[in-house]
Amino acid sequence: MIIPINDSLRIRGVEHCWQLEKARTRDGECEWTPFKYFHSVGSAVGEACRREIRTHPANLAEAIEAVDQIAANYSRILDEALNEVESRPA
């Protein structure tokens, strides 16, 4: 299962874990490289959210609004991923 976060970040489920992957260009082709590993999809989504909050360019006055928007976006991403998993036939 692949959960896209944005154009440069995604979460990918592999046999034994969930991994955060970042996009990079190699020889003119887009390639996804894993850089962090997690036991649960919730942990992976949480880390991606915290990473985006840490690197967001908002100043102090805009920070609370930016955090609210980022958290809402990741909550939606996690809900969609969980709904997709639940709707798959067993």
N, C-alpha and C. Protein backbone atom coordinates (compact mmCIF):
# COMPACT_ATOMS: atom_id res chain seq x y z
N MET A 1 0.85 -1.18 0.00
CA MET A 1 0.00 0.00 0.00
C MET A 1 0.89 1.24 0.00
N ILE A 2 0.53 2.20 -0.82
CA ILE A 2 1.25 3.46 -0.88
C ILE A 2 0.28 4.58 -0.54
N ILE A 3 0.68 5.43 0.41
CA ILE A 3 -0.13 6.56 0.84
C ILE A 3 0.61 7.83 0.44
N PRO A 4 0.17 8.53 -0.61
CA PRO A 4 0.86 9.76 -1.00
C PRO A 4 0.57 10.89 -0.01
N ILE A 5 1.61 11.59 0.38
CA ILE A 5 1.48 12.75 1.27
C ILE A 5 1.51 14.02 0.44
N ASN A 6 2.52 14.15 -0.39
CA ASN A 6 2.63 15.27 -1.33
C ASN A 6 3.55 14.82 -2.47
N ASP A 7 4.01 15.74 -3.30
CA ASP A 7 4.82 15.37 -4.46
C ASP A 7 6.19 14.81 -4.09
N SER A 8 6.65 15.08 -2.87
CA SER A 8 7.99 14.65 -2.50
C SER A 8 8.04 13.68 -1.33
N LEU A 9 6.89 13.29 -0.78
CA LEU A 9 6.88 12.41 0.39
C LEU A 9 5.70 11.45 0.30
N ARG A 10 5.96 10.20 0.67
CA ARG A 10 4.88 9.21 0.72
C ARG A 10 5.20 8.17 1.78
N ILE A 11 4.18 7.41 2.16
CA ILE A 11 4.33 6.29 3.09
C ILE A 11 4.06 5.03 2.29
N ARG A 12 4.92 4.04 2.48
CA ARG A 12 4.77 2.79 1.74
C ARG A 12 4.80 1.62 2.72
N GLY A 13 3.83 0.76 2.59
CA GLY A 13 3.80 -0.45 3.39
C GLY A 13 4.57 -1.55 2.67
N VAL A 14 5.51 -2.16 3.37
CA VAL A 14 6.25 -3.30 2.84
C VAL A 14 6.00 -4.49 3.76
N GLU A 15 6.61 -5.60 3.49
CA GLU A 15 6.27 -6.84 4.19
C GLU A 15 6.33 -6.73 5.72
N HIS A 16 7.34 -6.08 6.27
CA HIS A 16 7.52 -6.08 7.71
C HIS A 16 7.37 -4.72 8.38
N CYS A 17 7.12 -3.66 7.61
CA CYS A 17 7.05 -2.34 8.23
C CYS A 17 6.39 -1.33 7.29
N TRP A 18 6.28 -0.12 7.80
CA TRP A 18 5.86 1.05 7.01
C TRP A 18 7.08 1.94 6.90
N GLN A 19 7.27 2.55 5.74
CA GLN A 19 8.43 3.41 5.59
C GLN A 19 8.05 4.75 4.97
N LEU A 20 8.74 5.79 5.45
CA LEU A 20 8.62 7.11 4.82
C LEU A 20 9.61 7.12 3.67
N GLU A 21 9.14 7.59 2.52
CA GLU A 21 10.00 7.68 1.34
C GLU A 21 9.97 9.10 0.79
N LYS A 22 11.13 9.55 0.32
CA LYS A 22 11.20 10.86 -0.31
C LYS A 22 11.57 10.68 -1.77
N ALA A 23 11.03 11.55 -2.60
CA ALA A 23 11.29 11.50 -4.04
C ALA A 23 12.63 12.16 -4.33
N ARG A 24 13.32 11.56 -5.28
CA ARG A 24 14.55 12.19 -5.78
C ARG A 24 14.67 11.86 -7.25
N THR A 25 15.39 12.70 -7.95
CA THR A 25 15.58 12.51 -9.37
C THR A 25 16.96 11.93 -9.61
N ARG A 26 16.99 10.84 -10.35
CA ARG A 26 18.26 10.19 -10.68
C ARG A 26 18.25 9.88 -12.17
N ASP A 27 19.22 10.41 -12.87
CA ASP A 27 19.31 10.24 -14.33
C ASP A 27 18.01 10.65 -15.02
N GLY A 28 17.39 11.72 -14.52
CA GLY A 28 16.17 12.25 -15.12
C GLY A 28 14.90 11.50 -14.75
N GLU A 29 14.99 10.48 -13.92
CA GLU A 29 13.83 9.68 -13.52
C GLU A 29 13.55 9.86 -12.03
N CYS A 30 12.27 9.93 -11.68
CA CYS A 30 11.88 10.05 -10.27
C CYS A 30 12.03 8.68 -9.61
N GLU A 31 12.66 8.70 -8.44
CA GLU A 31 12.90 7.48 -7.68
C GLU A 31 12.54 7.75 -6.22
N TRP A 32 11.91 6.79 -5.56
CA TRP A 32 11.53 6.94 -4.16
C TRP A 32 12.53 6.21 -3.27
N THR A 33 13.06 6.95 -2.28
CA THR A 33 14.08 6.40 -1.39
C THR A 33 13.55 6.38 0.04
N PRO A 34 13.52 5.20 0.70
CA PRO A 34 13.08 5.16 2.09
C PRO A 34 14.12 5.80 3.02
N PHE A 35 13.65 6.48 4.08
CA PHE A 35 14.58 7.08 5.02
C PHE A 35 14.19 6.90 6.47
N LYS A 36 12.97 6.41 6.76
CA LYS A 36 12.56 6.10 8.13
C LYS A 36 11.61 4.93 8.09
N TYR A 37 11.64 4.11 9.16
CA TYR A 37 10.85 2.88 9.20
C TYR A 37 10.01 2.84 10.48
N PHE A 38 8.77 2.26 10.38
CA PHE A 38 7.82 2.26 11.50
C PHE A 38 7.08 0.93 11.57
N HIS A 39 6.59 0.60 12.77
CA HIS A 39 5.82 -0.63 12.97
C HIS A 39 4.35 -0.46 12.61
N SER A 40 3.85 0.78 12.61
CA SER A 40 2.43 1.00 12.31
C SER A 40 2.26 2.17 11.35
N VAL A 41 1.16 2.15 10.61
CA VAL A 41 0.87 3.24 9.69
C VAL A 41 0.62 4.53 10.47
N GLY A 42 0.00 4.42 11.64
CA GLY A 42 -0.25 5.61 12.47
C GLY A 42 1.05 6.30 12.88
N SER A 43 2.05 5.51 13.24
CA SER A 43 3.35 6.08 13.60
C SER A 43 4.00 6.77 12.41
N ALA A 44 3.88 6.18 11.24
CA ALA A 44 4.47 6.77 10.04
C ALA A 44 3.79 8.09 9.69
N VAL A 45 2.45 8.12 9.77
CA VAL A 45 1.71 9.35 9.49
C VAL A 45 2.05 10.41 10.53
N GLY A 46 2.13 10.01 11.79
CA GLY A 46 2.47 10.96 12.85
C GLY A 46 3.84 11.59 12.64
N GLU A 47 4.83 10.79 12.27
CA GLU A 47 6.17 11.32 12.02
C GLU A 47 6.19 12.23 10.81
N ALA A 48 5.47 11.87 9.75
CA ALA A 48 5.40 12.74 8.57
C ALA A 48 4.78 14.08 8.94
N CYS A 49 3.74 14.06 9.77
CA CYS A 49 3.09 15.29 10.22
C CYS A 49 4.05 16.14 11.05
N ARG A 50 4.72 15.51 12.02
CA ARG A 50 5.68 16.26 12.85
C ARG A 50 6.81 16.84 12.01
N ARG A 51 7.26 16.09 11.03
CA ARG A 51 8.33 16.56 10.14
C ARG A 51 7.88 17.80 9.36
N GLU A 52 6.65 17.77 8.85
CA GLU A 52 6.15 18.92 8.11
C GLU A 52 5.99 20.14 9.02
N ILE A 53 5.53 19.93 10.25
CA ILE A 53 5.41 21.04 11.19
C ILE A 53 6.78 21.65 11.49
N ARG A 54 7.77 20.79 11.73
CA ARG A 54 9.13 21.29 12.03
C ARG A 54 9.72 22.10 10.89
N THR A 55 9.43 21.72 9.66
CA THR A 55 10.07 22.37 8.51
C THR A 55 9.20 23.44 7.85
N HIS A 56 8.02 23.70 8.40
CA HIS A 56 7.12 24.70 7.82
C HIS A 56 7.71 26.10 8.00
N PRO A 57 7.62 26.95 6.97
CA PRO A 57 8.23 28.28 7.04
C PRO A 57 7.41 29.33 7.80
N ALA A 58 6.34 28.95 8.48
CA ALA A 58 5.49 29.94 9.16
C ALA A 58 6.27 30.67 10.25
N ASN A 59 5.94 31.95 10.41
CA ASN A 59 6.52 32.69 11.52
C ASN A 59 5.67 32.43 12.76
N LEU A 60 6.06 32.97 13.88
CA LEU A 60 5.39 32.68 15.14
C LEU A 60 3.90 33.02 15.09
N ALA A 61 3.55 34.14 14.49
CA ALA A 61 2.14 34.56 14.43
C ALA A 61 1.30 33.60 13.59
N GLU A 62 1.89 32.98 12.59
CA GLU A 62 1.17 32.07 11.70
C GLU A 62 1.25 30.61 12.14
N ALA A 63 2.09 30.31 13.11
CA ALA A 63 2.41 28.93 13.46
C ALA A 63 1.20 28.11 13.90
N ILE A 64 0.35 28.66 14.75
CA ILE A 64 -0.80 27.89 15.25
C ILE A 64 -1.75 27.54 14.12
N GLU A 65 -2.01 28.48 13.25
CA GLU A 65 -2.88 28.21 12.10
C GLU A 65 -2.25 27.17 11.18
N ALA A 66 -0.94 27.27 10.96
CA ALA A 66 -0.24 26.30 10.11
C ALA A 66 -0.30 24.90 10.70
N VAL A 67 -0.10 24.79 12.01
CA VAL A 67 -0.16 23.48 12.68
C VAL A 67 -1.57 22.90 12.56
N ASP A 68 -2.59 23.71 12.75
CA ASP A 68 -3.97 23.23 12.61
C ASP A 68 -4.23 22.70 11.20
N GLN A 69 -3.76 23.42 10.19
CA GLN A 69 -3.97 22.99 8.80
C GLN A 69 -3.21 21.70 8.50
N ILE A 70 -1.98 21.61 8.96
CA ILE A 70 -1.18 20.41 8.73
C ILE A 70 -1.80 19.21 9.43
N ALA A 71 -2.21 19.38 10.69
CA ALA A 71 -2.82 18.28 11.44
C ALA A 71 -4.12 17.82 10.78
N ALA A 72 -4.93 18.74 10.30
CA ALA A 72 -6.17 18.37 9.62
C ALA A 72 -5.89 17.60 8.33
N ASN A 73 -4.88 18.02 7.60
CA ASN A 73 -4.51 17.34 6.36
C ASN A 73 -4.06 15.90 6.65
N TYR A 74 -3.23 15.71 7.66
CA TYR A 74 -2.75 14.37 7.99
C TYR A 74 -3.85 13.51 8.59
N SER A 75 -4.75 14.10 9.31
CA SER A 75 -5.90 13.35 9.82
C SER A 75 -6.73 12.81 8.66
N ARG A 76 -6.94 13.63 7.64
CA ARG A 76 -7.66 13.22 6.44
C ARG A 76 -6.92 12.10 5.72
N ILE A 77 -5.61 12.24 5.58
CA ILE A 77 -4.79 11.23 4.90
C ILE A 77 -4.89 9.89 5.63
N LEU A 78 -4.79 9.91 6.96
CA LEU A 78 -4.88 8.68 7.74
C LEU A 78 -6.26 8.06 7.63
N ASP A 79 -7.31 8.87 7.72
CA ASP A 79 -8.68 8.36 7.59
C ASP A 79 -8.89 7.69 6.23
N GLU A 80 -8.41 8.32 5.16
CA GLU A 80 -8.55 7.75 3.82
C GLU A 80 -7.80 6.42 3.71
N ALA A 81 -6.61 6.36 4.27
CA ALA A 81 -5.81 5.13 4.22
C ALA A 81 -6.51 4.01 4.99
N LEU A 82 -7.02 4.31 6.16
CA LEU A 82 -7.70 3.30 6.97
C LEU A 82 -8.98 2.84 6.31
N ASN A 83 -9.72 3.75 5.69
CA ASN A 83 -10.94 3.38 4.97
C ASN A 83 -10.61 2.47 3.79
N GLU A 84 -9.51 2.74 3.11
CA GLU A 84 -9.10 1.90 1.98
C GLU A 84 -8.78 0.48 2.46
N VAL A 85 -8.07 0.37 3.57
CA VAL A 85 -7.72 -0.93 4.12
C VAL A 85 -8.97 -1.69 4.54
N GLU A 86 -9.91 -1.01 5.20
CA GLU A 86 -11.13 -1.66 5.69
C GLU A 86 -12.04 -2.09 4.55
N SER A 87 -11.98 -1.39 3.41
CA SER A 87 -12.88 -1.73 2.30
C SER A 87 -12.34 -2.85 1.41
N ARG A 88 -11.11 -3.26 1.64
CA ARG A 88 -10.55 -4.37 0.85
C ARG A 88 -11.16 -5.68 1.27
N PRO A 89 -11.41 -6.56 0.30
CA PRO A 89 -11.94 -7.89 0.66
C PRO A 89 -10.88 -8.70 1.41
N ALA A 90 -11.34 -9.52 2.33
CA ALA A 90 -10.40 -10.31 3.16
C ALA A 90 -9.81 -11.46 2.40
